[in-house]
Protein backbone atom coordinates (compact mmCIF):
# COMPACT_ATOMS: atom_id res chain seq x y z
CA UNK A 1 97.79 -8.77 220.22
CA UNK A 2 100.23 -10.22 222.84
CA UNK A 3 98.70 -13.63 222.53
CA UNK A 4 98.86 -13.44 218.79
CA UNK A 5 102.56 -12.57 218.98
CA UNK A 6 103.28 -15.38 221.21
CA UNK A 7 101.56 -17.96 219.04
CA UNK A 8 103.38 -16.59 215.93
CA UNK A 9 106.66 -16.53 217.64
CA UNK A 10 106.28 -20.11 218.94
CA UNK A 11 106.29 -21.37 215.27
CA UNK A 12 109.72 -22.02 214.01
CA UNK A 13 111.07 -19.89 211.17
CA UNK A 14 111.35 -22.90 208.75
CA UNK A 15 107.82 -23.94 209.45
CA UNK A 16 106.16 -20.54 208.83
CA UNK A 17 106.12 -20.81 205.09
CA UNK A 18 104.58 -24.33 205.23
CA UNK A 19 101.88 -23.05 207.67
CA UNK A 20 101.09 -20.16 205.36
CA UNK A 21 100.81 -22.54 202.39
CA UNK A 22 98.47 -24.99 204.22
CA UNK A 23 95.29 -23.08 203.63
CA UNK A 24 96.08 -22.61 199.92
CA UNK A 25 96.82 -26.33 199.52
CA UNK A 26 93.52 -27.14 201.20
CA UNK A 27 91.62 -24.87 198.87
CA UNK A 28 93.38 -26.51 195.85
CA UNK A 29 92.30 -29.97 197.05
CA UNK A 30 88.74 -28.80 197.37
CA UNK A 31 88.83 -27.47 193.80
CA UNK A 32 90.39 -30.65 192.38
CA UNK A 33 87.78 -32.82 190.88
CA UNK A 34 89.55 -36.02 191.79
CA UNK A 35 89.67 -34.94 195.47
CA UNK A 36 86.00 -34.06 195.48
CA UNK A 37 85.17 -37.54 194.02
CA UNK A 38 87.33 -39.20 196.69
CA UNK A 39 85.59 -37.27 199.55
CA UNK A 40 82.03 -37.65 198.44
CA UNK A 41 82.30 -41.25 197.37
CA UNK A 42 80.64 -40.65 193.93
CA UNK A 43 81.30 -43.11 191.21
CA UNK A 44 83.44 -42.09 188.30
CA UNK A 45 81.03 -43.79 186.01
CA UNK A 46 78.09 -41.58 186.81
CA UNK A 47 75.11 -41.45 184.36
CA UNK A 48 75.54 -39.01 181.48
CA UNK A 49 73.66 -35.88 182.42
CA UNK A 50 72.78 -35.30 178.69
CA UNK A 51 70.63 -38.47 178.62
CA UNK A 52 68.01 -40.20 180.71
CA UNK A 53 68.67 -43.65 182.15
CA UNK A 54 66.18 -46.13 180.59
CA UNK A 55 66.14 -48.36 183.78
CA UNK A 56 62.89 -46.76 184.99
CA UNK A 57 61.24 -47.28 181.55
CA UNK A 58 62.10 -51.05 181.67
CA UNK A 59 60.86 -51.31 185.35
CA UNK A 60 57.55 -49.57 184.48
CA UNK A 61 57.14 -51.75 181.43
CA UNK A 62 57.75 -54.92 183.41
CA UNK A 63 55.04 -53.89 185.94
CA UNK A 64 52.43 -53.28 183.27
CA UNK A 65 53.24 -56.56 181.48
CA UNK A 66 52.98 -58.46 184.73
CA UNK A 67 49.53 -56.94 185.41
CA UNK A 68 48.41 -57.72 181.91
CA UNK A 69 49.29 -61.41 182.00
CA UNK A 70 47.65 -61.71 185.41
CA UNK A 71 44.42 -60.28 183.98
CA UNK A 72 44.38 -62.90 181.34
CA UNK A 73 43.54 -65.74 183.64
CA UNK A 74 40.76 -63.69 185.26
CA UNK A 75 38.82 -63.89 182.02
CA UNK A 76 38.46 -67.71 182.26
CA UNK A 77 35.25 -68.02 184.28
CA UNK A 78 34.49 -71.37 185.96
CA UNK A 79 31.34 -73.25 184.80
CA UNK A 80 28.30 -72.54 186.76
CA UNK A 81 26.81 -75.99 186.29
CA UNK A 82 28.82 -78.15 188.67
CA UNK A 83 26.64 -81.26 188.13
CA UNK A 84 28.34 -81.53 184.65
CA UNK A 85 31.58 -80.05 185.65
CA UNK A 86 33.78 -82.03 183.24
CA UNK A 87 31.56 -81.09 180.27
CA UNK A 88 31.63 -77.41 181.37
CA UNK A 89 35.37 -77.37 181.71
CA UNK A 90 35.81 -78.94 178.24
CA UNK A 91 33.46 -76.33 176.80
CA UNK A 92 35.90 -73.60 177.86
CA UNK A 93 38.58 -74.69 175.37
CA UNK A 94 38.31 -71.39 173.45
CA UNK A 95 39.33 -69.61 176.67
CA UNK A 96 42.32 -71.90 177.24
CA UNK A 97 43.50 -71.51 173.67
CA UNK A 98 43.16 -67.66 173.73
CA UNK A 99 44.88 -67.62 177.15
CA UNK A 100 47.93 -69.60 175.88
CA UNK A 101 48.26 -67.69 172.60
CA UNK A 102 48.01 -64.24 174.20
CA UNK A 103 50.18 -65.15 177.28
CA UNK A 104 53.01 -66.34 174.96
CA UNK A 105 52.74 -63.36 172.63
CA UNK A 106 52.90 -60.98 175.56
CA UNK A 107 55.88 -62.94 176.77
CA UNK A 108 57.40 -62.28 173.46
CA UNK A 109 56.76 -58.56 173.88
CA UNK A 110 58.51 -58.61 177.28
CA UNK A 111 61.57 -60.54 175.96
CA UNK A 112 62.09 -58.36 172.92
CA UNK A 113 61.50 -55.25 175.01
CA UNK A 114 64.47 -56.29 177.11
CA UNK A 115 66.52 -57.14 174.01
CA UNK A 116 65.81 -53.60 172.66
CA UNK A 117 66.44 -51.66 175.87
CA UNK A 118 69.64 -53.68 176.67
CA UNK A 119 71.25 -51.66 173.94
CA UNK A 120 69.44 -48.26 174.36
CA UNK A 121 71.62 -46.10 176.77
CA UNK A 122 69.44 -43.03 176.66
CA UNK A 123 65.64 -42.56 176.61
CA UNK A 124 64.54 -39.25 175.23
CA UNK A 125 61.08 -37.71 175.23
CA UNK A 126 60.05 -39.48 172.08
CA UNK A 127 61.08 -42.89 173.35
CA UNK A 128 59.03 -42.22 176.53
CA UNK A 129 56.01 -41.33 174.56
CA UNK A 130 56.23 -44.34 172.14
CA UNK A 131 56.76 -46.69 175.03
CA UNK A 132 53.66 -45.31 176.86
CA UNK A 133 51.58 -46.00 173.76
CA UNK A 134 53.10 -49.55 173.71
CA UNK A 135 52.05 -50.06 177.33
CA UNK A 136 48.60 -48.74 176.53
CA UNK A 137 48.32 -51.39 173.82
CA UNK A 138 49.59 -54.13 176.12
CA UNK A 139 47.00 -53.26 178.71
CA UNK A 140 44.36 -53.64 176.06
CA UNK A 141 45.41 -57.22 175.25
CA UNK A 142 43.41 -59.03 178.00
CA UNK A 143 40.24 -57.54 176.54
CA UNK A 144 41.14 -58.68 172.98
CA UNK A 145 41.86 -62.15 174.28
CA UNK A 146 38.41 -62.31 176.07
CA UNK A 147 36.68 -61.24 172.87
CA UNK A 148 38.47 -63.85 170.93
CA UNK A 149 37.52 -66.63 173.39
CA UNK A 150 33.88 -65.66 173.64
CA UNK A 151 33.40 -65.47 169.92
CA UNK A 152 34.76 -69.06 169.34
CA UNK A 153 32.87 -70.23 172.25
CA UNK A 154 29.54 -68.81 171.04
CA UNK A 155 30.26 -69.79 167.36
CA UNK A 156 29.69 -66.35 165.92
CA UNK A 157 31.81 -63.25 165.37
CA UNK A 158 35.02 -65.06 164.86
CA UNK A 159 36.34 -62.83 162.01
CA UNK A 160 36.10 -59.46 163.87
CA UNK A 161 37.51 -61.19 167.01
CA UNK A 162 40.58 -62.47 165.15
CA UNK A 163 41.07 -59.20 163.38
CA UNK A 164 40.86 -57.28 166.67
CA UNK A 165 43.34 -59.63 168.37
CA UNK A 166 45.75 -59.36 165.43
CA UNK A 167 45.44 -55.62 165.17
CA UNK A 168 46.37 -55.30 168.87
CA UNK A 169 49.64 -57.26 168.38
CA UNK A 170 50.30 -55.58 164.97
CA UNK A 171 50.23 -52.23 166.69
CA UNK A 172 52.77 -53.37 169.20
CA UNK A 173 55.04 -54.70 166.45
CA UNK A 174 54.75 -51.29 164.72
CA UNK A 175 55.72 -49.50 167.92
CA UNK A 176 58.70 -51.84 168.37
CA UNK A 177 59.88 -50.95 164.89
CA UNK A 178 59.43 -47.21 165.34
CA UNK A 179 61.22 -47.18 168.79
CA UNK A 180 64.13 -49.19 167.39
CA UNK A 181 64.48 -47.10 164.29
CA UNK A 182 64.56 -43.86 166.30
CA UNK A 183 67.08 -45.27 168.71
CA UNK A 184 69.43 -46.58 166.05
CA UNK A 185 69.15 -43.49 163.85
CA UNK A 186 72.70 -41.99 163.72
CA UNK A 187 73.47 -44.29 166.62
CA UNK A 188 72.43 -41.51 168.99
CA UNK A 189 70.63 -43.46 171.60
CA UNK A 190 72.37 -46.89 171.34
CA UNK A 191 75.14 -48.05 173.58
CA UNK A 192 78.63 -49.23 172.34
CA UNK A 193 77.84 -52.84 173.29
CA UNK A 194 76.25 -53.70 169.86
CA UNK A 195 77.78 -53.67 166.49
CA UNK A 196 76.09 -52.74 163.16
CA UNK A 197 75.47 -56.43 162.42
CA UNK A 198 73.60 -56.94 165.66
CA UNK A 199 71.54 -53.67 164.91
CA UNK A 200 70.63 -55.16 161.58
CA UNK A 201 69.69 -58.46 162.92
CA UNK A 202 67.29 -56.91 165.54
CA UNK A 203 65.77 -54.74 162.86
CA UNK A 204 65.11 -57.72 160.61
CA UNK A 205 63.40 -59.63 163.47
CA UNK A 206 61.12 -56.68 164.33
CA UNK A 207 60.20 -56.18 160.63
CA UNK A 208 59.46 -59.85 160.32
CA UNK A 209 57.12 -59.60 163.20
CA UNK A 210 55.26 -56.69 161.52
CA UNK A 211 54.80 -58.76 158.31
CA UNK A 212 53.88 -61.97 159.96
CA UNK A 213 51.27 -60.59 162.33
CA UNK A 214 49.88 -58.51 159.44
CA UNK A 215 49.57 -61.62 157.27
CA UNK A 216 47.71 -63.47 160.12
CA UNK A 217 45.33 -60.52 160.61
CA UNK A 218 44.41 -60.44 157.00
CA UNK A 219 43.87 -64.18 156.83
CA UNK A 220 41.63 -63.85 159.95
CA UNK A 221 39.38 -61.54 158.13
CA UNK A 222 38.75 -64.32 155.50
CA UNK A 223 39.39 -67.54 157.40
CA UNK A 224 39.32 -66.96 161.19
CA UNK A 225 40.75 -70.27 162.15
CA UNK A 226 43.57 -70.17 159.69
CA UNK A 227 44.40 -66.53 160.72
CA UNK A 228 44.51 -67.56 164.40
CA UNK A 229 46.76 -70.52 163.43
CA UNK A 230 49.20 -68.21 161.57
CA UNK A 231 49.48 -65.89 164.56
CA UNK A 232 49.93 -68.91 166.89
CA UNK A 233 52.72 -70.31 164.65
CA UNK A 234 54.57 -67.01 164.89
CA UNK A 235 55.19 -67.88 168.59
CA UNK A 236 57.48 -70.79 167.89
CA UNK A 237 59.77 -68.97 165.59
CA UNK A 238 59.93 -65.60 167.45
CA UNK A 239 61.29 -67.29 170.62
CA UNK A 240 64.46 -68.20 168.72
CA UNK A 241 67.52 -66.06 169.75
CA UNK A 242 68.59 -63.12 167.57
CA UNK A 243 72.04 -63.03 166.18
CA UNK A 244 73.92 -60.29 167.87
CA UNK A 245 71.41 -59.52 170.52
CA UNK A 246 74.02 -60.00 173.33
CA UNK A 247 76.58 -57.25 173.44
CA UNK A 248 80.21 -57.97 172.48
CA UNK A 249 81.92 -55.66 174.98
CA UNK A 250 84.69 -57.62 176.76
CA UNK A 251 84.07 -58.25 180.46
CA UNK A 252 86.38 -58.05 183.41
CA UNK A 253 88.92 -60.87 183.36
CA UNK A 254 88.62 -61.67 179.61
CA UNK A 255 90.73 -60.36 176.80
CA UNK A 256 89.15 -58.47 173.89
CA UNK A 257 90.07 -61.34 171.42
CA UNK A 258 88.46 -63.97 173.60
CA UNK A 259 85.33 -61.70 174.03
CA UNK A 260 85.07 -61.30 170.33
CA UNK A 261 85.36 -64.99 169.72
CA UNK A 262 82.75 -65.73 172.43
CA UNK A 263 84.98 -68.28 174.08
CA UNK A 264 86.81 -68.48 177.29
CA UNK A 265 90.51 -68.27 177.75
CA UNK A 266 92.10 -71.69 176.92
CA UNK A 267 95.27 -70.97 178.83
CA UNK A 268 96.10 -68.65 181.75
CA UNK A 269 97.67 -65.31 180.94
CA UNK A 270 101.35 -65.17 181.10
CA UNK A 271 102.87 -62.66 183.59
CA UNK A 272 106.29 -61.17 183.52
CA UNK A 273 108.61 -62.95 185.95
CA UNK A 274 109.22 -60.93 189.16
CA UNK A 275 112.24 -61.33 191.37
CA UNK A 276 111.44 -63.32 194.50
CA UNK A 277 113.02 -61.67 197.59
CA UNK A 278 111.54 -63.98 200.03
CA UNK A 279 113.69 -66.32 201.93
CA UNK A 280 113.29 -69.99 201.02
CA UNK A 281 110.88 -71.82 203.24
CA UNK A 282 112.35 -73.91 205.96
CA UNK A 283 112.10 -77.61 205.54
CA UNK A 284 109.61 -79.34 207.74
CA UNK A 285 111.04 -80.98 210.78
CA UNK A 286 110.62 -84.63 211.71
CA UNK A 287 110.53 -85.69 208.02
CA UNK A 288 112.06 -89.09 208.70
CA UNK A 289 112.28 -91.34 211.69
CA UNK A 290 116.20 -91.28 211.74
CA UNK A 291 116.23 -87.57 211.78
CA UNK A 292 113.77 -87.40 214.63
CA UNK A 293 115.78 -89.95 216.63
CA UNK A 294 118.98 -87.87 216.00
CA UNK A 295 117.40 -84.66 217.16
CA UNK A 296 116.15 -86.22 220.37
CA UNK A 297 119.61 -87.75 221.04
CA UNK A 298 121.34 -84.41 220.58
CA UNK A 299 118.87 -82.77 222.97
CA UNK A 300 119.44 -85.36 225.57
CA UNK A 301 123.20 -85.04 225.25
CA UNK A 302 123.07 -81.25 225.78
CA UNK A 303 120.91 -81.80 228.89
CA UNK A 304 123.48 -84.14 230.47
CA UNK A 305 126.73 -82.46 229.46
CA UNK A 306 127.00 -78.62 229.80
CA UNK A 307 130.14 -78.56 227.55
CA UNK A 308 128.19 -80.17 224.71
CA UNK A 309 125.49 -77.57 225.23
CA UNK A 310 127.96 -74.75 224.75
CA UNK A 311 129.57 -76.45 221.79
CA UNK A 312 126.21 -76.62 219.99
CA UNK A 313 125.41 -73.05 220.66
CA UNK A 314 128.89 -71.74 219.53
CA UNK A 315 128.56 -69.83 216.17
CA UNK A 316 130.09 -71.53 213.25
CA UNK A 317 133.07 -70.02 211.58
């Protein structure tokens, strides 16, 4: 008790209320959300807890697509007869054509998947399920490409092979349309980086893929070569950019007007003039030869005559 009294008595009377308020202020700082963010170092732009970040969906899709395009080349078997190697390599032309067509179509699937998920800010349970079905279809494409190549190489079964190949990509196009329709419905899952015109442009592109690939599949059931040609011609058009696929949200360092126009600033932003309290910079010495000679002459005169030295150091009136 005595020690407690001494410690209490050693605090001045004016400082006692401040010392009593210190624990209360500390507790208020702990309860302040800004203080908690500053202490823990968490970002103020944390992911929305009500949604699911689609970054893992995109990463998983990229991995499956990378495996699928790698398996395509494994279906091209080297010729066994090495004595007529050139003839054997030329006889594999259906495998080369099937490899190129399927690889480029899978590349389009990858590109449009990124276009779609660049504007999806939340991935709910239905998006995860539909994307899983899409990945299952993509993993099936190397088998469809191998069947297409072997049928044209053997000269029989071309119609079922083209139909199987077309149905596989038709299913992928249908899944793209369903995922995008679900994401843009009531604008629930879309980010604010895309406007309604961009949403409609992407929807038209996905619907065109569904119609184009469906037409190629139906033609393949009648004329296999023509059906494969229609599906291959789809590659050239579908790699063209989509109007509005890149978001219009202004970036750092650009004004909203310049971001909407899609051009850079043509002139630097004007700032309000601020008073300059700095002292003017001293002029550099020894700017001319005569000035340098004069300074050396005055220094030599002060060194010889002490009275001249005192005159030069005397403050001016």
